[in-house]
Amino acid sequence: MIRTIEQVLVDLVTGDSAGLALIDRKVEFELAVACQCLEMAGNDIDYVWLGEDLGTQHSPLIGLDLFREHIRP
C-alpha cells in the first residue's frame, strides 16, 4: 500500500497533485486488468461485479462535489 485511505481522502480534499496522480494510475491499472480479463473470456461473460466501497452504511466517504470532480470522470 502506497497511501492509506486517510491520505487518499486528504488528497481529494486538498487537490494534492501527487495523490491525484496515484488515483489516476490506479484507475488506469484496474481498467487494463478488466480489459485483459474481458478479452480472455471472449463472449463467455454473463456478469461482472466490481467490489469498490465508496461509503459506510450511513453515508458516503466523500461529498458529492468531490465524487463528481475526481471519481466519476
N, C-alpha and C. Protein backbone atom coordinates (compact mmCIF):
# COMPACT_ATOMS: atom_id res chain seq x y z
N MET A 1 0.84 -1.16 0.00
CA MET A 1 0.00 0.00 0.00
C MET A 1 0.89 1.24 0.00
N ILE A 2 0.64 2.12 -0.94
CA ILE A 2 1.42 3.35 -1.05
C ILE A 2 0.84 4.44 -0.16
N ARG A 3 -0.49 4.52 -0.09
CA ARG A 3 -1.16 5.55 0.72
C ARG A 3 -2.33 4.91 1.46
N THR A 4 -2.57 5.41 2.65
CA THR A 4 -3.72 4.94 3.43
C THR A 4 -4.98 5.62 2.90
N ILE A 5 -6.13 5.09 3.29
CA ILE A 5 -7.39 5.70 2.87
C ILE A 5 -7.48 7.13 3.40
N GLU A 6 -6.94 7.35 4.60
CA GLU A 6 -6.96 8.71 5.15
C GLU A 6 -6.16 9.66 4.26
N GLN A 7 -5.00 9.21 3.78
CA GLN A 7 -4.18 10.05 2.90
C GLN A 7 -4.90 10.32 1.58
N VAL A 8 -5.56 9.31 1.05
CA VAL A 8 -6.28 9.47 -0.22
C VAL A 8 -7.42 10.48 -0.05
N LEU A 9 -8.14 10.40 1.06
CA LEU A 9 -9.23 11.35 1.30
C LEU A 9 -8.70 12.77 1.44
N VAL A 10 -7.57 12.93 2.12
CA VAL A 10 -6.95 14.26 2.23
C VAL A 10 -6.52 14.75 0.85
N ASP A 11 -5.96 13.86 0.04
CA ASP A 11 -5.56 14.23 -1.33
C ASP A 11 -6.75 14.75 -2.13
N LEU A 12 -7.89 14.10 -1.98
CA LEU A 12 -9.09 14.53 -2.70
C LEU A 12 -9.54 15.91 -2.25
N VAL A 13 -9.53 16.13 -0.94
CA VAL A 13 -10.00 17.41 -0.40
C VAL A 13 -9.05 18.54 -0.75
N THR A 14 -7.73 18.28 -0.64
CA THR A 14 -6.75 19.34 -0.88
C THR A 14 -6.37 19.48 -2.34
N GLY A 15 -6.71 18.48 -3.15
CA GLY A 15 -6.33 18.52 -4.56
C GLY A 15 -4.85 18.25 -4.78
N ASP A 16 -4.23 17.52 -3.86
CA ASP A 16 -2.80 17.21 -3.96
C ASP A 16 -2.51 16.50 -5.28
N SER A 17 -1.65 17.10 -6.09
CA SER A 17 -1.42 16.57 -7.44
C SER A 17 -0.76 15.19 -7.43
N ALA A 18 0.15 14.94 -6.49
CA ALA A 18 0.79 13.62 -6.42
C ALA A 18 -0.23 12.55 -6.03
N GLY A 19 -1.06 12.85 -5.06
CA GLY A 19 -2.09 11.90 -4.64
C GLY A 19 -3.11 11.63 -5.73
N LEU A 20 -3.52 12.70 -6.42
CA LEU A 20 -4.49 12.53 -7.51
C LEU A 20 -3.88 11.75 -8.66
N ALA A 21 -2.58 11.93 -8.90
CA ALA A 21 -1.90 11.16 -9.95
C ALA A 21 -1.89 9.67 -9.60
N LEU A 22 -1.70 9.34 -8.32
CA LEU A 22 -1.74 7.94 -7.91
C LEU A 22 -3.13 7.34 -8.11
N ILE A 23 -4.16 8.13 -7.82
CA ILE A 23 -5.52 7.66 -8.05
C ILE A 23 -5.73 7.39 -9.54
N ASP A 24 -5.27 8.29 -10.38
CA ASP A 24 -5.39 8.10 -11.83
C ASP A 24 -4.66 6.85 -12.29
N ARG A 25 -3.46 6.61 -11.76
CA ARG A 25 -2.70 5.41 -12.14
C ARG A 25 -3.42 4.15 -11.70
N LYS A 26 -4.02 4.18 -10.52
CA LYS A 26 -4.78 3.03 -10.03
C LYS A 26 -5.96 2.74 -10.96
N VAL A 27 -6.65 3.77 -11.38
CA VAL A 27 -7.77 3.60 -12.31
C VAL A 27 -7.29 3.01 -13.62
N GLU A 28 -6.20 3.54 -14.17
CA GLU A 28 -5.64 3.01 -15.43
C GLU A 28 -5.29 1.54 -15.29
N PHE A 29 -4.67 1.17 -14.18
CA PHE A 29 -4.28 -0.22 -13.94
C PHE A 29 -5.52 -1.12 -13.88
N GLU A 30 -6.51 -0.72 -13.09
CA GLU A 30 -7.72 -1.54 -12.94
C GLU A 30 -8.45 -1.69 -14.27
N LEU A 31 -8.50 -0.62 -15.07
CA LEU A 31 -9.14 -0.72 -16.39
C LEU A 31 -8.37 -1.66 -17.31
N ALA A 32 -7.05 -1.62 -17.26
CA ALA A 32 -6.24 -2.51 -18.09
C ALA A 32 -6.47 -3.97 -17.70
N VAL A 33 -6.52 -4.25 -16.41
CA VAL A 33 -6.78 -5.61 -15.94
C VAL A 33 -8.17 -6.07 -16.39
N ALA A 34 -9.16 -5.20 -16.24
CA ALA A 34 -10.53 -5.55 -16.65
C ALA A 34 -10.59 -5.83 -18.15
N CYS A 35 -9.91 -5.02 -18.95
CA CYS A 35 -9.91 -5.22 -20.40
C CYS A 35 -9.25 -6.55 -20.76
N GLN A 36 -8.15 -6.89 -20.10
CA GLN A 36 -7.49 -8.17 -20.37
C GLN A 36 -8.40 -9.34 -20.00
N CYS A 37 -9.08 -9.23 -18.88
CA CYS A 37 -10.00 -10.30 -18.47
C CYS A 37 -11.13 -10.47 -19.47
N LEU A 38 -11.68 -9.36 -19.93
CA LEU A 38 -12.76 -9.42 -20.91
C LEU A 38 -12.29 -10.01 -22.23
N GLU A 39 -11.09 -9.64 -22.65
CA GLU A 39 -10.53 -10.20 -23.89
C GLU A 39 -10.31 -11.69 -23.77
N MET A 40 -9.80 -12.14 -22.62
CA MET A 40 -9.53 -13.56 -22.42
C MET A 40 -10.83 -14.37 -22.38
N ALA A 41 -11.88 -13.79 -21.83
CA ALA A 41 -13.14 -14.52 -21.69
C ALA A 41 -13.96 -14.52 -22.97
N GLY A 42 -13.70 -13.57 -23.84
CA GLY A 42 -14.48 -13.51 -25.08
C GLY A 42 -15.94 -13.22 -24.80
N ASN A 43 -16.81 -14.02 -25.39
CA ASN A 43 -18.26 -13.83 -25.21
C ASN A 43 -18.83 -14.69 -24.09
N ASP A 44 -17.98 -15.23 -23.24
CA ASP A 44 -18.44 -16.16 -22.21
C ASP A 44 -18.72 -15.49 -20.87
N ILE A 45 -18.93 -14.18 -20.85
CA ILE A 45 -19.19 -13.46 -19.60
C ILE A 45 -20.67 -13.13 -19.51
N ASP A 46 -21.27 -13.52 -18.39
CA ASP A 46 -22.67 -13.20 -18.14
C ASP A 46 -22.81 -12.06 -17.13
N TYR A 47 -21.81 -11.88 -16.27
CA TYR A 47 -21.97 -10.95 -15.16
C TYR A 47 -20.59 -10.49 -14.69
N VAL A 48 -20.46 -9.21 -14.39
CA VAL A 48 -19.22 -8.66 -13.84
C VAL A 48 -19.57 -7.86 -12.60
N TRP A 49 -18.83 -8.10 -11.51
CA TRP A 49 -19.06 -7.36 -10.27
C TRP A 49 -17.75 -6.79 -9.79
N LEU A 50 -17.72 -5.48 -9.59
CA LEU A 50 -16.55 -4.82 -9.04
C LEU A 50 -16.86 -4.42 -7.61
N GLY A 51 -16.03 -4.82 -6.68
CA GLY A 51 -16.30 -4.58 -5.27
C GLY A 51 -15.61 -3.37 -4.70
N GLU A 52 -15.99 -2.20 -5.13
CA GLU A 52 -15.44 -0.97 -4.56
C GLU A 52 -16.39 -0.45 -3.49
N ASP A 53 -15.83 0.13 -2.46
CA ASP A 53 -16.63 0.64 -1.36
C ASP A 53 -16.38 2.13 -1.20
N LEU A 54 -17.37 2.93 -1.56
CA LEU A 54 -17.21 4.39 -1.50
C LEU A 54 -17.96 5.01 -0.33
N GLY A 55 -18.39 4.18 0.62
CA GLY A 55 -19.12 4.75 1.74
C GLY A 55 -19.29 3.78 2.88
N THR A 56 -20.04 4.23 3.87
CA THR A 56 -20.38 3.41 5.02
C THR A 56 -21.85 3.00 4.89
N GLN A 57 -22.37 2.37 5.92
CA GLN A 57 -23.79 2.00 5.89
C GLN A 57 -24.69 3.23 6.03
N HIS A 58 -24.11 4.34 6.46
CA HIS A 58 -24.92 5.53 6.74
C HIS A 58 -24.69 6.68 5.77
N SER A 59 -23.52 6.73 5.16
CA SER A 59 -23.24 7.87 4.28
C SER A 59 -22.02 7.57 3.41
N PRO A 60 -21.84 8.34 2.35
CA PRO A 60 -20.63 8.19 1.53
C PRO A 60 -19.40 8.71 2.28
N LEU A 61 -18.22 8.28 1.85
CA LEU A 61 -16.98 8.74 2.47
C LEU A 61 -16.62 10.16 2.04
N ILE A 62 -17.07 10.56 0.86
CA ILE A 62 -16.77 11.91 0.36
C ILE A 62 -18.06 12.56 -0.10
N GLY A 63 -18.02 13.88 -0.20
CA GLY A 63 -19.18 14.61 -0.66
C GLY A 63 -19.41 14.43 -2.15
N LEU A 64 -20.60 14.77 -2.57
CA LEU A 64 -20.99 14.61 -3.96
C LEU A 64 -20.13 15.45 -4.90
N ASP A 65 -19.77 16.66 -4.49
CA ASP A 65 -18.93 17.51 -5.33
C ASP A 65 -17.57 16.88 -5.59
N LEU A 66 -16.93 16.34 -4.53
CA LEU A 66 -15.63 15.68 -4.71
C LEU A 66 -15.78 14.43 -5.58
N PHE A 67 -16.85 13.69 -5.37
CA PHE A 67 -17.09 12.50 -6.18
C PHE A 67 -17.20 12.87 -7.65
N ARG A 68 -18.00 13.88 -7.94
CA ARG A 68 -18.19 14.30 -9.34
C ARG A 68 -16.90 14.84 -9.95
N GLU A 69 -16.09 15.51 -9.14
CA GLU A 69 -14.86 16.10 -9.66
C GLU A 69 -13.75 15.07 -9.90
N HIS A 70 -13.59 14.13 -8.97
CA HIS A 70 -12.42 13.25 -9.02
C HIS A 70 -12.71 11.78 -9.32
N ILE A 71 -13.85 11.27 -8.94
CA ILE A 71 -14.12 9.84 -9.07
C ILE A 71 -14.92 9.52 -10.32
N ARG A 72 -15.98 10.22 -10.55
CA ARG A 72 -16.87 9.90 -11.67
C ARG A 72 -16.23 10.05 -13.05
N PRO A 73 -15.41 11.08 -13.30
CA PRO A 73 -14.89 11.24 -14.67
C PRO A 73 -14.15 10.01 -15.11
